[in-house]
Amino acid sequence: MQAQKFIVDAMLGRVARWLRIMGYDAIYSNKYED
């Protein structure tokens, strides 16, 4: 099974932190545009 990876924008900053705490690979940046 492949590891789950997430790209998270500024609206989900807290979610990115919790994903990292739970051991998921999460990239967070507030510079991404829609």
N, C-alpha and C. Protein backbone atom coordinates (compact mmCIF):
# COMPACT_ATOMS: atom_id res chain seq x y z
N MET A 1 0.85 -1.19 0.00
CA MET A 1 0.00 0.00 0.00
C MET A 1 0.89 1.25 0.00
N GLN A 2 0.53 2.24 -0.80
CA GLN A 2 1.30 3.47 -0.89
C GLN A 2 0.95 4.40 0.27
N ALA A 3 1.94 5.19 0.70
CA ALA A 3 1.72 6.16 1.76
C ALA A 3 0.84 7.30 1.25
N GLN A 4 -0.03 7.79 2.10
CA GLN A 4 -0.89 8.92 1.75
C GLN A 4 -0.09 10.21 1.86
N LYS A 5 -0.24 11.10 0.87
CA LYS A 5 0.42 12.40 0.88
C LYS A 5 -0.62 13.46 0.60
N PHE A 6 -0.49 14.61 1.27
CA PHE A 6 -1.47 15.67 1.14
C PHE A 6 -0.79 17.00 0.86
N ILE A 7 -1.42 17.83 0.02
CA ILE A 7 -1.02 19.22 -0.19
C ILE A 7 -2.13 20.07 0.40
N VAL A 8 -1.77 20.93 1.35
CA VAL A 8 -2.76 21.68 2.13
C VAL A 8 -2.52 23.17 1.95
N ASP A 9 -3.60 23.94 1.71
CA ASP A 9 -3.45 25.38 1.57
C ASP A 9 -3.73 26.08 2.90
N ALA A 10 -3.74 27.41 2.87
CA ALA A 10 -3.87 28.21 4.09
C ALA A 10 -5.17 27.98 4.85
N MET A 11 -6.25 27.64 4.14
CA MET A 11 -7.53 27.42 4.82
C MET A 11 -7.50 26.20 5.74
N LEU A 12 -6.59 25.27 5.48
CA LEU A 12 -6.55 24.02 6.24
C LEU A 12 -5.26 23.86 7.05
N GLY A 13 -4.74 24.97 7.54
CA GLY A 13 -3.49 24.94 8.29
C GLY A 13 -3.53 24.02 9.50
N ARG A 14 -4.61 24.06 10.26
CA ARG A 14 -4.73 23.19 11.43
C ARG A 14 -4.82 21.73 11.02
N VAL A 15 -5.50 21.47 9.92
CA VAL A 15 -5.61 20.09 9.43
C VAL A 15 -4.22 19.57 9.06
N ALA A 16 -3.39 20.41 8.43
CA ALA A 16 -2.03 20.01 8.07
C ALA A 16 -1.24 19.63 9.31
N ARG A 17 -1.38 20.40 10.35
CA ARG A 17 -0.67 20.09 11.60
C ARG A 17 -1.10 18.75 12.16
N TRP A 18 -2.40 18.47 12.19
CA TRP A 18 -2.90 17.21 12.71
C TRP A 18 -2.53 16.03 11.81
N LEU A 19 -2.51 16.25 10.51
CA LEU A 19 -2.06 15.18 9.61
C LEU A 19 -0.61 14.80 9.92
N ARG A 20 0.23 15.80 10.16
CA ARG A 20 1.63 15.52 10.51
C ARG A 20 1.74 14.81 11.85
N ILE A 21 0.95 15.24 12.82
CA ILE A 21 0.97 14.59 14.14
C ILE A 21 0.59 13.13 14.02
N MET A 22 -0.38 12.82 13.14
CA MET A 22 -0.84 11.44 12.96
C MET A 22 0.08 10.63 12.05
N GLY A 23 1.13 11.26 11.53
CA GLY A 23 2.12 10.53 10.76
C GLY A 23 1.98 10.60 9.25
N TYR A 24 1.05 11.41 8.75
CA TYR A 24 0.89 11.56 7.30
C TYR A 24 1.85 12.62 6.76
N ASP A 25 2.22 12.48 5.51
CA ASP A 25 3.06 13.46 4.84
C ASP A 25 2.17 14.59 4.33
N ALA A 26 2.32 15.78 4.90
CA ALA A 26 1.48 16.92 4.52
C ALA A 26 2.36 18.13 4.20
N ILE A 27 2.19 18.66 3.00
CA ILE A 27 2.90 19.87 2.59
C ILE A 27 1.94 21.04 2.78
N TYR A 28 2.39 22.05 3.53
CA TYR A 28 1.54 23.21 3.82
C TYR A 28 2.21 24.48 3.30
N SER A 29 1.43 25.32 2.66
CA SER A 29 1.91 26.63 2.24
C SER A 29 0.73 27.58 2.10
N ASN A 30 0.93 28.82 2.45
CA ASN A 30 -0.11 29.83 2.26
C ASN A 30 0.11 30.60 0.96
N LYS A 31 1.03 30.14 0.12
CA LYS A 31 1.34 30.82 -1.13
C LYS A 31 0.65 30.20 -2.33
N TYR A 32 -0.05 29.09 -2.15
CA TYR A 32 -0.74 28.46 -3.27
C TYR A 32 -1.93 29.32 -3.68
N GLU A 33 -2.17 29.40 -4.98
CA GLU A 33 -3.31 30.16 -5.49
C GLU A 33 -4.36 29.22 -6.04
N ASP A 34 -5.61 29.65 -6.04
CA ASP A 34 -6.70 28.82 -6.56
C ASP A 34 -6.60 28.63 -8.04
